[in-house]
Amino acid sequence: MKKIEAIIQPFKLDEVKNALIGAGVQGITVTEVRGHGRQKGHKEVYRGQEYNIDFLPKVKLELVIPGAMVDEVVKTLADAARSGKIGDGKVFVYDVVDAIRIRNNDRGEAAL
């Protein structure tokens, strides 16, 4: 089993969600987060004052999938999230040792 974490632009959430569902992903956790990468934020002007916006709004997706689906899901996610502009985000893949469904004690991939 693998855990995929992706940080994406908020306006891409619906497109990514629909693409993942189409690829067979059954569960997704979404969190609104703030951060920056290489772009280190940007400057905005409000009432004549210039402000540095260091942390930009992003969306973090977390999903745990069977190992056999990793390549397809990562490609689908990245393709749907890509706008071609700076700040599109990142995808991280982790190994998952075990999963337990609390309701009935299913373990491993059966718990997904």
PDB file of N, CA and C in Angstrom:
ATOM      1  N   MET A   1       0.841  -1.175   0.000  1.00  0.00           N
ATOM      2  CA  MET A   1       0.000   0.000   0.000  1.00  0.00           C
ATOM      3  C   MET A   1       0.883   1.234   0.000  1.00  0.00           C
ATOM      4  N   LYS A   2       0.380   2.276  -0.609  1.00  0.00           N
ATOM      5  CA  LYS A   2       1.108   3.529  -0.689  1.00  0.00           C
ATOM      6  C   LYS A   2       0.209   4.684  -0.265  1.00  0.00           C
ATOM      7  N   LYS A   3       0.820   5.676   0.381  1.00  0.00           N
ATOM      8  CA  LYS A   3       0.113   6.905   0.708  1.00  0.00           C
ATOM      9  C   LYS A   3       0.616   7.981  -0.243  1.00  0.00           C
ATOM     10  N   ILE A   4      -0.305   8.677  -0.869  1.00  0.00           N
ATOM     11  CA  ILE A   4       0.044   9.774  -1.757  1.00  0.00           C
ATOM     12  C   ILE A   4      -0.429  11.058  -1.101  1.00  0.00           C
ATOM     13  N   GLU A   5       0.500  11.999  -0.961  1.00  0.00           N
ATOM     14  CA  GLU A   5       0.182  13.347  -0.492  1.00  0.00           C
ATOM     15  C   GLU A   5       0.471  14.280  -1.647  1.00  0.00           C
ATOM     16  N   ALA A   6      -0.455  15.158  -1.930  1.00  0.00           N
ATOM     17  CA  ALA A   6      -0.249  16.128  -3.007  1.00  0.00           C
ATOM     18  C   ALA A   6      -0.639  17.510  -2.506  1.00  0.00           C
ATOM     19  N   ILE A   7       0.180  18.486  -2.832  1.00  0.00           N
ATOM     20  CA  ILE A   7      -0.127  19.880  -2.548  1.00  0.00           C
ATOM     21  C   ILE A   7      -0.430  20.516  -3.898  1.00  0.00           C
ATOM     22  N   ILE A   8      -1.649  21.043  -4.052  1.00  0.00           N
ATOM     23  CA  ILE A   8      -2.069  21.573  -5.349  1.00  0.00           C
ATOM     24  C   ILE A   8      -2.698  22.954  -5.188  1.00  0.00           C
ATOM     25  N   GLN A   9      -2.940  23.607  -6.308  1.00  0.00           N
ATOM     26  CA  GLN A   9      -3.634  24.882  -6.321  1.00  0.00           C
ATOM     27  C   GLN A   9      -5.115  24.655  -5.988  1.00  0.00           C
ATOM     28  N   PRO A  10      -5.721  25.522  -5.182  1.00  0.00           N
ATOM     29  CA  PRO A  10      -7.120  25.329  -4.795  1.00  0.00           C
ATOM     30  C   PRO A  10      -8.097  25.280  -5.976  1.00  0.00           C
ATOM     31  N   PHE A  11      -7.836  26.047  -7.026  1.00  0.00           N
ATOM     32  CA  PHE A  11      -8.766  26.077  -8.156  1.00  0.00           C
ATOM     33  C   PHE A  11      -8.733  24.792  -8.979  1.00  0.00           C
ATOM     34  N   LYS A  12      -7.773  23.915  -8.725  1.00  0.00           N
ATOM     35  CA  LYS A  12      -7.671  22.643  -9.441  1.00  0.00           C
ATOM     36  C   LYS A  12      -8.337  21.480  -8.689  1.00  0.00           C
ATOM     37  N   LEU A  13      -8.876  21.741  -7.492  1.00  0.00           N
ATOM     38  CA  LEU A  13      -9.391  20.660  -6.649  1.00  0.00           C
ATOM     39  C   LEU A  13     -10.475  19.835  -7.334  1.00  0.00           C
ATOM     40  N   ASP A  14     -11.494  20.465  -7.893  1.00  0.00           N
ATOM     41  CA  ASP A  14     -12.590  19.711  -8.517  1.00  0.00           C
ATOM     42  C   ASP A  14     -12.104  18.868  -9.683  1.00  0.00           C
ATOM     43  N   GLU A  15     -11.237  19.436 -10.499  1.00  0.00           N
ATOM     44  CA  GLU A  15     -10.698  18.706 -11.647  1.00  0.00           C
ATOM     45  C   GLU A  15      -9.894  17.489 -11.200  1.00  0.00           C
ATOM     46  N   VAL A  16      -9.058  17.668 -10.168  1.00  0.00           N
ATOM     47  CA  VAL A  16      -8.245  16.564  -9.652  1.00  0.00           C
ATOM     48  C   VAL A  16      -9.138  15.506  -9.007  1.00  0.00           C
ATOM     49  N   LYS A  17     -10.113  15.936  -8.223  1.00  0.00           N
ATOM     50  CA  LYS A  17     -11.025  14.992  -7.559  1.00  0.00           C
ATOM     51  C   LYS A  17     -11.743  14.130  -8.589  1.00  0.00           C
ATOM     52  N   ASN A  18     -12.284  14.742  -9.623  1.00  0.00           N
ATOM     53  CA  ASN A  18     -13.008  13.990 -10.654  1.00  0.00           C
ATOM     54  C   ASN A  18     -12.082  13.034 -11.404  1.00  0.00           C
ATOM     55  N   ALA A  19     -10.856  13.452 -11.675  1.00  0.00           N
ATOM     56  CA  ALA A  19      -9.899  12.585 -12.361  1.00  0.00           C
ATOM     57  C   ALA A  19      -9.531  11.383 -11.487  1.00  0.00           C
ATOM     58  N   LEU A  20      -9.337  11.612 -10.174  1.00  0.00           N
ATOM     59  CA  LEU A  20      -8.991  10.512  -9.273  1.00  0.00           C
ATOM     60  C   LEU A  20     -10.140   9.519  -9.130  1.00  0.00           C
ATOM     61  N   ILE A  21     -11.355  10.030  -9.035  1.00  0.00           N
ATOM     62  CA  ILE A  21     -12.519   9.137  -8.962  1.00  0.00           C
ATOM     63  C   ILE A  21     -12.610   8.310 -10.237  1.00  0.00           C
ATOM     64  N   GLY A  22     -12.347   8.943 -11.385  1.00  0.00           N
ATOM     65  CA  GLY A  22     -12.343   8.232 -12.665  1.00  0.00           C
ATOM     66  C   GLY A  22     -11.265   7.166 -12.751  1.00  0.00           C
ATOM     67  N   ALA A  23     -10.176   7.351 -11.998  1.00  0.00           N
ATOM     68  CA  ALA A  23      -9.077   6.383 -11.989  1.00  0.00           C
ATOM     69  C   ALA A  23      -9.301   5.268 -10.971  1.00  0.00           C
ATOM     70  N   GLY A  24     -10.409   5.317 -10.232  1.00  0.00           N
ATOM     71  CA  GLY A  24     -10.727   4.251  -9.296  1.00  0.00           C
ATOM     72  C   GLY A  24     -10.353   4.514  -7.850  1.00  0.00           C
ATOM     73  N   VAL A  25      -9.940   5.729  -7.527  1.00  0.00           N
ATOM     74  CA  VAL A  25      -9.620   6.062  -6.138  1.00  0.00           C
ATOM     75  C   VAL A  25     -10.920   6.199  -5.360  1.00  0.00           C
ATOM     76  N   GLN A  26     -11.012   5.536  -4.210  1.00  0.00           N
ATOM     77  CA  GLN A  26     -12.261   5.516  -3.462  1.00  0.00           C
ATOM     78  C   GLN A  26     -12.299   6.489  -2.297  1.00  0.00           C
ATOM     79  N   GLY A  27     -11.157   6.875  -1.767  1.00  0.00           N
ATOM     80  CA  GLY A  27     -11.162   7.766  -0.614  1.00  0.00           C
ATOM     81  C   GLY A  27     -10.096   8.833  -0.731  1.00  0.00           C
ATOM     82  N   ILE A  28     -10.476  10.059  -0.438  1.00  0.00           N
ATOM     83  CA  ILE A  28      -9.548  11.191  -0.494  1.00  0.00           C
ATOM     84  C   ILE A  28      -9.799  12.060   0.728  1.00  0.00           C
ATOM     85  N   THR A  29      -8.731  12.507   1.378  1.00  0.00           N
ATOM     86  CA  THR A  29      -8.841  13.482   2.453  1.00  0.00           C
ATOM     87  C   THR A  29      -8.293  14.801   1.924  1.00  0.00           C
ATOM     88  N   VAL A  30      -9.034  15.892   2.133  1.00  0.00           N
ATOM     89  CA  VAL A  30      -8.650  17.207   1.625  1.00  0.00           C
ATOM     90  C   VAL A  30      -8.511  18.166   2.800  1.00  0.00           C
ATOM     91  N   THR A  31      -7.402  18.906   2.813  1.00  0.00           N
ATOM     92  CA  THR A  31      -7.145  19.892   3.855  1.00  0.00           C
ATOM     93  C   THR A  31      -6.722  21.195   3.192  1.00  0.00           C
ATOM     94  N   GLU A  32      -7.286  22.302   3.657  1.00  0.00           N
ATOM     95  CA  GLU A  32      -6.820  23.603   3.190  1.00  0.00           C
ATOM     96  C   GLU A  32      -5.569  23.959   3.978  1.00  0.00           C
ATOM     97  N   VAL A  33      -4.491  24.280   3.258  1.00  0.00           N
ATOM     98  CA  VAL A  33      -3.213  24.602   3.894  1.00  0.00           C
ATOM     99  C   VAL A  33      -2.655  25.879   3.293  1.00  0.00           C
ATOM    100  N   ARG A  34      -1.587  26.379   3.887  1.00  0.00           N
ATOM    101  CA  ARG A  34      -0.896  27.545   3.357  1.00  0.00           C
ATOM    102  C   ARG A  34       0.588  27.223   3.323  1.00  0.00           C
ATOM    103  N   GLY A  35       1.281  27.726   2.309  1.00  0.00           N
ATOM    104  CA  GLY A  35       2.711  27.483   2.233  1.00  0.00           C
ATOM    105  C   GLY A  35       3.327  28.152   1.022  1.00  0.00           C
ATOM    106  N   HIS A  36       4.613  27.900   0.843  1.00  0.00           N
ATOM    107  CA  HIS A  36       5.286  28.391  -0.352  1.00  0.00           C
ATOM    108  C   HIS A  36       6.402  27.447  -0.729  1.00  0.00           C
ATOM    109  N   GLY A  37       6.747  27.481  -1.976  1.00  0.00           N
ATOM    110  CA  GLY A  37       7.872  26.704  -2.485  1.00  0.00           C
ATOM    111  C   GLY A  37       8.944  27.665  -2.939  1.00  0.00           C
ATOM    112  N   ARG A  38       9.476  27.412  -4.116  1.00  0.00           N
ATOM    113  CA  ARG A  38      10.541  28.260  -4.645  1.00  0.00           C
ATOM    114  C   ARG A  38      10.107  29.696  -4.882  1.00  0.00           C
ATOM    115  N   GLN A  39       8.816  29.904  -5.172  1.00  0.00           N
ATOM    116  CA  GLN A  39       8.364  31.265  -5.497  1.00  0.00           C
ATOM    117  C   GLN A  39       8.366  32.182  -4.286  1.00  0.00           C
ATOM    118  N   LYS A  40       8.392  31.649  -3.085  1.00  0.00           N
ATOM    119  CA  LYS A  40       8.470  32.413  -1.837  1.00  0.00           C
ATOM    120  C   LYS A  40       7.390  33.479  -1.719  1.00  0.00           C
ATOM    121  N   GLY A  41       6.196  33.197  -2.199  1.00  0.00           N
ATOM    122  CA  GLY A  41       5.090  34.148  -2.077  1.00  0.00           C
ATOM    123  C   GLY A  41       5.155  35.227  -3.143  1.00  0.00           C
ATOM    124  N   HIS A  42       4.456  36.325  -2.899  1.00  0.00           N
ATOM    125  CA  HIS A  42       4.437  37.430  -3.841  1.00  0.00           C
ATOM    126  C   HIS A  42       4.089  38.725  -3.101  1.00  0.00           C
ATOM    127  N   LYS A  43       4.178  39.843  -3.802  1.00  0.00           N
ATOM    128  CA  LYS A  43       3.855  41.147  -3.219  1.00  0.00           C
ATOM    129  C   LYS A  43       2.501  41.601  -3.728  1.00  0.00           C
ATOM    130  N   GLU A  44       1.737  42.245  -2.845  1.00  0.00           N
ATOM    131  CA  GLU A  44       0.462  42.843  -3.214  1.00  0.00           C
ATOM    132  C   GLU A  44       0.422  44.258  -2.670  1.00  0.00           C
ATOM    133  N   VAL A  45      -0.348  45.097  -3.330  1.00  0.00           N
ATOM    134  CA  VAL A  45      -0.510  46.475  -2.883  1.00  0.00           C
ATOM    135  C   VAL A  45      -1.948  46.649  -2.411  1.00  0.00           C
ATOM    136  N   TYR A  46      -2.114  47.179  -1.202  1.00  0.00           N
ATOM    137  CA  TYR A  46      -3.430  47.451  -0.633  1.00  0.00           C
ATOM    138  C   TYR A  46      -3.410  48.848  -0.046  1.00  0.00           C
ATOM    139  N   ARG A  47      -4.268  49.713  -0.569  1.00  0.00           N
ATOM    140  CA  ARG A  47      -4.359  51.108  -0.131  1.00  0.00           C
ATOM    141  C   ARG A  47      -2.991  51.804  -0.120  1.00  0.00           C
ATOM    142  N   GLY A  48      -2.245  51.562  -1.171  1.00  0.00           N
ATOM    143  CA  GLY A  48      -0.961  52.227  -1.326  1.00  0.00           C
ATOM    144  C   GLY A  48       0.191  51.584  -0.578  1.00  0.00           C
ATOM    145  N   GLN A  49      -0.084  50.609   0.255  1.00  0.00           N
ATOM    146  CA  GLN A  49       0.962  49.917   1.015  1.00  0.00           C
ATOM    147  C   GLN A  49       1.310  48.609   0.307  1.00  0.00           C
ATOM    148  N   GLU A  50       2.584  48.292   0.224  1.00  0.00           N
ATOM    149  CA  GLU A  50       3.026  47.043  -0.369  1.00  0.00           C
ATOM    150  C   GLU A  50       3.210  45.998   0.731  1.00  0.00           C
ATOM    151  N   TYR A  51       2.635  44.819   0.507  1.00  0.00           N
ATOM    152  CA  TYR A  51       2.712  43.725   1.487  1.00  0.00           C
ATOM    153  C   TYR A  51       3.312  42.492   0.838  1.00  0.00           C
ATOM    154  N   ASN A  52       4.124  41.775   1.600  1.00  0.00           N
ATOM    155  CA  ASN A  52       4.611  40.476   1.166  1.00  0.00           C
ATOM    156  C   ASN A  52       3.623  39.413   1.614  1.00  0.00           C
ATOM    157  N   ILE A  53       3.172  38.618   0.688  1.00  0.00           N
ATOM    158  CA  ILE A  53       2.309  37.471   0.998  1.00  0.00           C
ATOM    159  C   ILE A  53       3.221  36.248   0.961  1.00  0.00           C
ATOM    160  N   ASP A  54       3.669  35.815   2.152  1.00  0.00           N
ATOM    161  CA  ASP A  54       4.651  34.730   2.228  1.00  0.00           C
ATOM    162  C   ASP A  54       4.030  33.349   2.036  1.00  0.00           C
ATOM    163  N   PHE A  55       2.870  33.138   2.627  1.00  0.00           N
ATOM    164  CA  PHE A  55       2.245  31.821   2.570  1.00  0.00           C
ATOM    165  C   PHE A  55       0.995  31.899   1.706  1.00  0.00           C
ATOM    166  N   LEU A  56       1.001  31.138   0.632  1.00  0.00           N
ATOM    167  CA  LEU A  56      -0.095  31.141  -0.331  1.00  0.00           C
ATOM    168  C   LEU A  56      -1.075  30.019  -0.008  1.00  0.00           C
ATOM    169  N   PRO A  57      -2.356  30.226  -0.301  1.00  0.00           N
ATOM    170  CA  PRO A  57      -3.326  29.163  -0.051  1.00  0.00           C
ATOM    171  C   PRO A  57      -3.113  27.987  -1.009  1.00  0.00           C
ATOM    172  N   LYS A  58      -3.129  26.797  -0.466  1.00  0.00           N
ATOM    173  CA  LYS A  58      -2.978  25.553  -1.234  1.00  0.00           C
ATOM    174  C   LYS A  58      -3.984  24.539  -0.695  1.00  0.00           C
ATOM    175  N   VAL A  59      -4.099  23.418  -1.373  1.00  0.00           N
ATOM    176  CA  VAL A  59      -4.938  22.311  -0.922  1.00  0.00           C
ATOM    177  C   VAL A  59      -4.051  21.074  -0.836  1.00  0.00           C
ATOM    178  N   LYS A  60      -4.169  20.345   0.279  1.00  0.00           N
ATOM    179  CA  LYS A  60      -3.406  19.111   0.463  1.00  0.00           C
ATOM    180  C   LYS A  60      -4.359  17.924   0.335  1.00  0.00           C
ATOM    181  N   LEU A  61      -4.036  17.010  -0.564  1.00  0.00           N
ATOM    182  CA  LEU A  61      -4.805  15.778  -0.750  1.00  0.00           C
ATOM    183  C   LEU A  61      -4.010  14.624  -0.159  1.00  0.00           C
ATOM    184  N   GLU A  62      -4.700  13.730   0.528  1.00  0.00           N
ATOM    185  CA  GLU A  62      -4.074  12.526   1.062  1.00  0.00           C
ATOM    186  C   GLU A  62      -4.928  11.339   0.659  1.00  0.00           C
ATOM    187  N   LEU A  63      -4.285  10.300   0.127  1.00  0.00           N
ATOM    188  CA  LEU A  63      -5.013   9.091  -0.226  1.00  0.00           C
ATOM    189  C   LEU A  63      -4.100   7.890  -0.046  1.00  0.00           C
ATOM    190  N   VAL A  64      -4.673   6.775   0.355  1.00  0.00           N
ATOM    191  CA  VAL A  64      -3.938   5.523   0.494  1.00  0.00           C
ATOM    192  C   VAL A  64      -4.537   4.558  -0.506  1.00  0.00           C
ATOM    193  N   ILE A  65      -3.657   3.977  -1.329  1.00  0.00           N
ATOM    194  CA  ILE A  65      -4.109   3.128  -2.431  1.00  0.00           C
ATOM    195  C   ILE A  65      -3.291   1.836  -2.468  1.00  0.00           C
ATOM    196  N   PRO A  66      -3.791   0.803  -3.155  1.00  0.00           N
ATOM    197  CA  PRO A  66      -2.974  -0.396  -3.354  1.00  0.00           C
ATOM    198  C   PRO A  66      -1.729  -0.047  -4.164  1.00  0.00           C
ATOM    199  N   GLY A  67      -0.631  -0.724  -3.881  1.00  0.00           N
ATOM    200  CA  GLY A  67       0.627  -0.442  -4.556  1.00  0.00           C
ATOM    201  C   GLY A  67       0.574  -0.532  -6.068  1.00  0.00           C
ATOM    202  N   ALA A  68      -0.274  -1.415  -6.586  1.00  0.00           N
ATOM    203  CA  ALA A  68      -0.360  -1.603  -8.035  1.00  0.00           C
ATOM    204  C   ALA A  68      -0.934  -0.387  -8.759  1.00  0.00           C
ATOM    205  N   MET A  69      -1.614   0.498  -8.052  1.00  0.00           N
ATOM    206  CA  MET A  69      -2.264   1.657  -8.675  1.00  0.00           C
ATOM    207  C   MET A  69      -1.396   2.917  -8.673  1.00  0.00           C
ATOM    208  N   VAL A  70      -0.230   2.871  -8.049  1.00  0.00           N
ATOM    209  CA  VAL A  70       0.544   4.088  -7.796  1.00  0.00           C
ATOM    210  C   VAL A  70       0.870   4.862  -9.065  1.00  0.00           C
ATOM    211  N   ASP A  71       1.464   4.225 -10.050  1.00  0.00           N
ATOM    212  CA  ASP A  71       1.896   4.949 -11.240  1.00  0.00           C
ATOM    213  C   ASP A  71       0.720   5.622 -11.947  1.00  0.00           C
ATOM    214  N   GLU A  72      -0.372   4.892 -12.094  1.00  0.00           N
ATOM    215  CA  GLU A  72      -1.552   5.447 -12.771  1.00  0.00           C
ATOM    216  C   GLU A  72      -2.140   6.624 -11.988  1.00  0.00           C
ATOM    217  N   VAL A  73      -2.256   6.474 -10.671  1.00  0.00           N
ATOM    218  CA  VAL A  73      -2.859   7.520  -9.848  1.00  0.00           C
ATOM    219  C   VAL A  73      -1.975   8.764  -9.817  1.00  0.00           C
ATOM    220  N   VAL A  74      -0.665   8.600  -9.681  1.00  0.00           N
ATOM    221  CA  VAL A  74       0.242   9.751  -9.655  1.00  0.00           C
ATOM    222  C   VAL A  74       0.191  10.490 -10.993  1.00  0.00           C
ATOM    223  N   LYS A  75       0.187   9.755 -12.097  1.00  0.00           N
ATOM    224  CA  LYS A  75       0.109  10.395 -13.414  1.00  0.00           C
ATOM    225  C   LYS A  75      -1.209  11.129 -13.585  1.00  0.00           C
ATOM    226  N   THR A  76      -2.312  10.499 -13.195  1.00  0.00           N
ATOM    227  CA  THR A  76      -3.629  11.116 -13.299  1.00  0.00           C
ATOM    228  C   THR A  76      -3.701  12.383 -12.461  1.00  0.00           C
ATOM    229  N   LEU A  77      -3.213  12.315 -11.234  1.00  0.00           N
ATOM    230  CA  LEU A  77      -3.238  13.459 -10.333  1.00  0.00           C
ATOM    231  C   LEU A  77      -2.399  14.612 -10.897  1.00  0.00           C
ATOM    232  N   ALA A  78      -1.179  14.304 -11.312  1.00  0.00           N
ATOM    233  CA  ALA A  78      -0.293  15.349 -11.825  1.00  0.00           C
ATOM    234  C   ALA A  78      -0.845  15.977 -13.100  1.00  0.00           C
ATOM    235  N   ASP A  79      -1.395  15.171 -13.989  1.00  0.00           N
ATOM    236  CA  ASP A  79      -1.966  15.706 -15.230  1.00  0.00           C
ATOM    237  C   ASP A  79      -3.143  16.630 -14.945  1.00  0.00           C
ATOM    238  N   ALA A  80      -3.992  16.244 -14.000  1.00  0.00           N
ATOM    239  CA  ALA A  80      -5.177  17.057 -13.679  1.00  0.00           C
ATOM    240  C   ALA A  80      -4.805  18.332 -12.931  1.00  0.00           C
ATOM    241  N   ALA A  81      -3.733  18.302 -12.149  1.00  0.00           N
ATOM    242  CA  ALA A  81      -3.348  19.462 -11.339  1.00  0.00           C
ATOM    243  C   ALA A  81      -2.472  20.453 -12.098  1.00  0.00           C
ATOM    244  N   ARG A  82      -1.936  20.036 -13.228  1.00  0.00           N
ATOM    245  CA  ARG A  82      -0.970  20.864 -13.950  1.00  0.00           C
ATOM    246  C   ARG A  82      -1.642  22.028 -14.671  1.00  0.00           C
ATOM    247  N   SER A  83      -1.137  23.239 -14.397  1.00  0.00           N
ATOM    248  CA  SER A  83      -1.573  24.416 -15.156  1.00  0.00           C
ATOM    249  C   SER A  83      -0.418  24.940 -16.003  1.00  0.00           C
ATOM    250  N   GLY A  84       0.803  24.479 -15.701  1.00  0.00           N
ATOM    251  CA  GLY A  84       1.970  24.920 -16.433  1.00  0.00           C
ATOM    252  C   GLY A  84       2.609  26.174 -15.861  1.00  0.00           C
ATOM    253  N   LYS A  85       2.057  26.665 -14.766  1.00  0.00           N
ATOM    254  CA  LYS A  85       2.583  27.877 -14.144  1.00  0.00           C
ATOM    255  C   LYS A  85       3.280  27.523 -12.829  1.00  0.00           C
ATOM    256  N   ILE A  86       4.119  28.437 -12.364  1.00  0.00           N
ATOM    257  CA  ILE A  86       4.821  28.228 -11.110  1.00  0.00           C
ATOM    258  C   ILE A  86       3.807  28.067  -9.966  1.00  0.00           C
ATOM    259  N   GLY A  87       4.100  27.170  -9.031  1.00  0.00           N
ATOM    260  CA  GLY A  87       3.215  26.959  -7.894  1.00  0.00           C
ATOM    261  C   GLY A  87       2.182  25.868  -8.098  1.00  0.00           C
ATOM    262  N   ASP A  88       2.331  25.051  -9.156  1.00  0.00           N
ATOM    263  CA  ASP A  88       1.373  23.970  -9.402  1.00  0.00           C
ATOM    264  C   ASP A  88       1.357  22.944  -8.278  1.00  0.00           C
ATOM    265  N   GLY A  89       2.470  22.752  -7.575  1.00  0.00           N
ATOM    266  CA  GLY A  89       2.472  21.874  -6.411  1.00  0.00           C
ATOM    267  C   GLY A  89       3.448  20.733  -6.500  1.00  0.00           C
ATOM    268  N   LYS A  90       3.259  19.770  -5.598  1.00  0.00           N
ATOM    269  CA  LYS A  90       4.143  18.610  -5.489  1.00  0.00           C
ATOM    270  C   LYS A  90       3.308  17.372  -5.153  1.00  0.00           C
ATOM    271  N   VAL A  91       3.879  16.203  -5.470  1.00  0.00           N
ATOM    272  CA  VAL A  91       3.275  14.921  -5.110  1.00  0.00           C
ATOM    273  C   VAL A  91       4.336  14.121  -4.360  1.00  0.00           C
ATOM    274  N   PHE A  92       3.960  13.548  -3.220  1.00  0.00           N
ATOM    275  CA  PHE A  92       4.854  12.724  -2.415  1.00  0.00           C
ATOM    276  C   PHE A  92       4.238  11.335  -2.277  1.00  0.00           C
ATOM    277  N   VAL A  93       5.069  10.298  -2.342  1.00  0.00           N
ATOM    278  CA  VAL A  93       4.591   8.916  -2.233  1.00  0.00           C
ATOM    279  C   VAL A  93       5.328   8.251  -1.071  1.00  0.00           C
ATOM    280  N   TYR A  94       4.560   7.648  -0.151  1.00  0.00           N
ATOM    281  CA  TYR A  94       5.101   6.988   1.034  1.00  0.00           C
ATOM    282  C   TYR A  94       4.640   5.529   1.079  1.00  0.00           C
ATOM    283  N   ASP A  95       5.430   4.679   1.714  1.00  0.00           N
ATOM    284  CA  ASP A  95       5.006   3.305   1.990  1.00  0.00           C
ATOM    285  C   ASP A  95       4.080   3.310   3.202  1.00  0.00           C
ATOM    286  N   VAL A  96       3.050   2.477   3.162  1.00  0.00           N
ATOM    287  CA  VAL A  96       2.138   2.300   4.296  1.00  0.00           C
ATOM    288  C   VAL A  96       2.294   0.856   4.776  1.00  0.00           C
ATOM    289  N   VAL A  97       2.607   0.700   6.030  1.00  0.00           N
ATOM    290  CA  VAL A  97       2.848  -0.623   6.593  1.00  0.00           C
ATOM    291  C   VAL A  97       1.545  -1.392   6.795  1.00  0.00           C
ATOM    292  N   ASP A  98       0.527  -0.735   7.314  1.00  0.00           N
ATOM    293  CA  ASP A  98      -0.741  -1.414   7.585  1.00  0.00           C
ATOM    294  C   ASP A  98      -1.864  -0.399   7.629  1.00  0.00           C
ATOM    295  N   ALA A  99      -3.072  -0.874   7.455  1.00  0.00           N
ATOM    296  CA  ALA A  99      -4.279  -0.057   7.598  1.00  0.00           C
ATOM    297  C   ALA A  99      -5.331  -0.923   8.276  1.00  0.00           C
ATOM    298  N   ILE A 100      -6.107  -0.331   9.154  1.00  0.00           N
ATOM    299  CA  ILE A 100      -7.159  -1.055   9.866  1.00  0.00           C
ATOM    300  C   ILE A 100      -8.456  -0.272   9.751  1.00  0.00           C
ATOM    301  N   ARG A 101      -9.497  -0.944   9.273  1.00  0.00           N
ATOM    302  CA  ARG A 101     -10.815  -0.317   9.266  1.00  0.00           C
ATOM    303  C   ARG A 101     -11.393  -0.490  10.661  1.00  0.00           C
ATOM    304  N   ILE A 102     -11.686   0.589  11.330  1.00  0.00           N
ATOM    305  CA  ILE A 102     -12.128   0.561  12.723  1.00  0.00           C
ATOM    306  C   ILE A 102     -13.446  -0.186  12.876  1.00  0.00           C
ATOM    307  N   ARG A 103     -14.363  -0.003  11.938  1.00  0.00           N
ATOM    308  CA  ARG A 103     -15.698  -0.591  12.061  1.00  0.00           C
ATOM    309  C   ARG A 103     -15.671  -2.106  12.224  1.00  0.00           C
ATOM    310  N   ASN A 104     -14.838  -2.815  11.436  1.00  0.00           N
ATOM    311  CA  ASN A 104     -14.897  -4.270  11.474  1.00  0.00           C
ATOM    312  C   ASN A 104     -13.522  -4.955  11.532  1.00  0.00           C
ATOM    313  N   ASN A 105     -12.470  -4.194  11.795  1.00  0.00           N
ATOM    314  CA  ASN A 105     -11.120  -4.722  11.936  1.00  0.00           C
ATOM    315  C   ASN A 105     -10.513  -5.299  10.651  1.00  0.00           C
ATOM    316  N   ASP A 106     -11.042  -4.945   9.479  1.00  0.00           N
ATOM    317  CA  ASP A 106     -10.372  -5.335   8.233  1.00  0.00           C
ATOM    318  C   ASP A 106      -8.970  -4.757   8.251  1.00  0.00           C
ATOM    319  N   ARG A 107      -7.998  -5.524   7.695  1.00  0.00           N
ATOM    320  CA  ARG A 107      -6.610  -5.067   7.711  1.00  0.00           C
ATOM    321  C   ARG A 107      -6.048  -5.062   6.297  1.00  0.00           C
ATOM    322  N   GLY A 108      -4.992  -4.271   6.118  1.00  0.00           N
ATOM    323  CA  GLY A 108      -4.297  -4.211   4.838  1.00  0.00           C
ATOM    324  C   GLY A 108      -5.175  -3.592   3.753  1.00  0.00           C
ATOM    325  N   GLU A 109      -4.989  -4.080   2.531  1.00  0.00           N
ATOM    326  CA  GLU A 109      -5.752  -3.525   1.401  1.00  0.00           C
ATOM    327  C   GLU A 109      -7.261  -3.718   1.546  1.00  0.00           C
ATOM    328  N   ALA A 110      -7.688  -4.725   2.305  1.00  0.00           N
ATOM    329  CA  ALA A 110      -9.117  -4.930   2.542  1.00  0.00           C
ATOM    330  C   ALA A 110      -9.721  -3.765   3.304  1.00  0.00           C
ATOM    331  N   ALA A 111      -8.900  -3.030   4.067  1.00  0.00           N
ATOM    332  CA  ALA A 111      -9.381  -1.897   4.841  1.00  0.00           C
ATOM    333  C   ALA A 111      -9.550  -0.628   3.985  1.00  0.00           C
ATOM    334  N   LEU A 112      -8.983  -0.659   2.796  1.00  0.00           N
ATOM    335  CA  LEU A 112      -9.075   0.512   1.933  1.00  0.00           C
ATOM    336  C   LEU A 112     -10.455   0.584   1.323  1.00  0.00           C
TER     337      LEU A 112
END
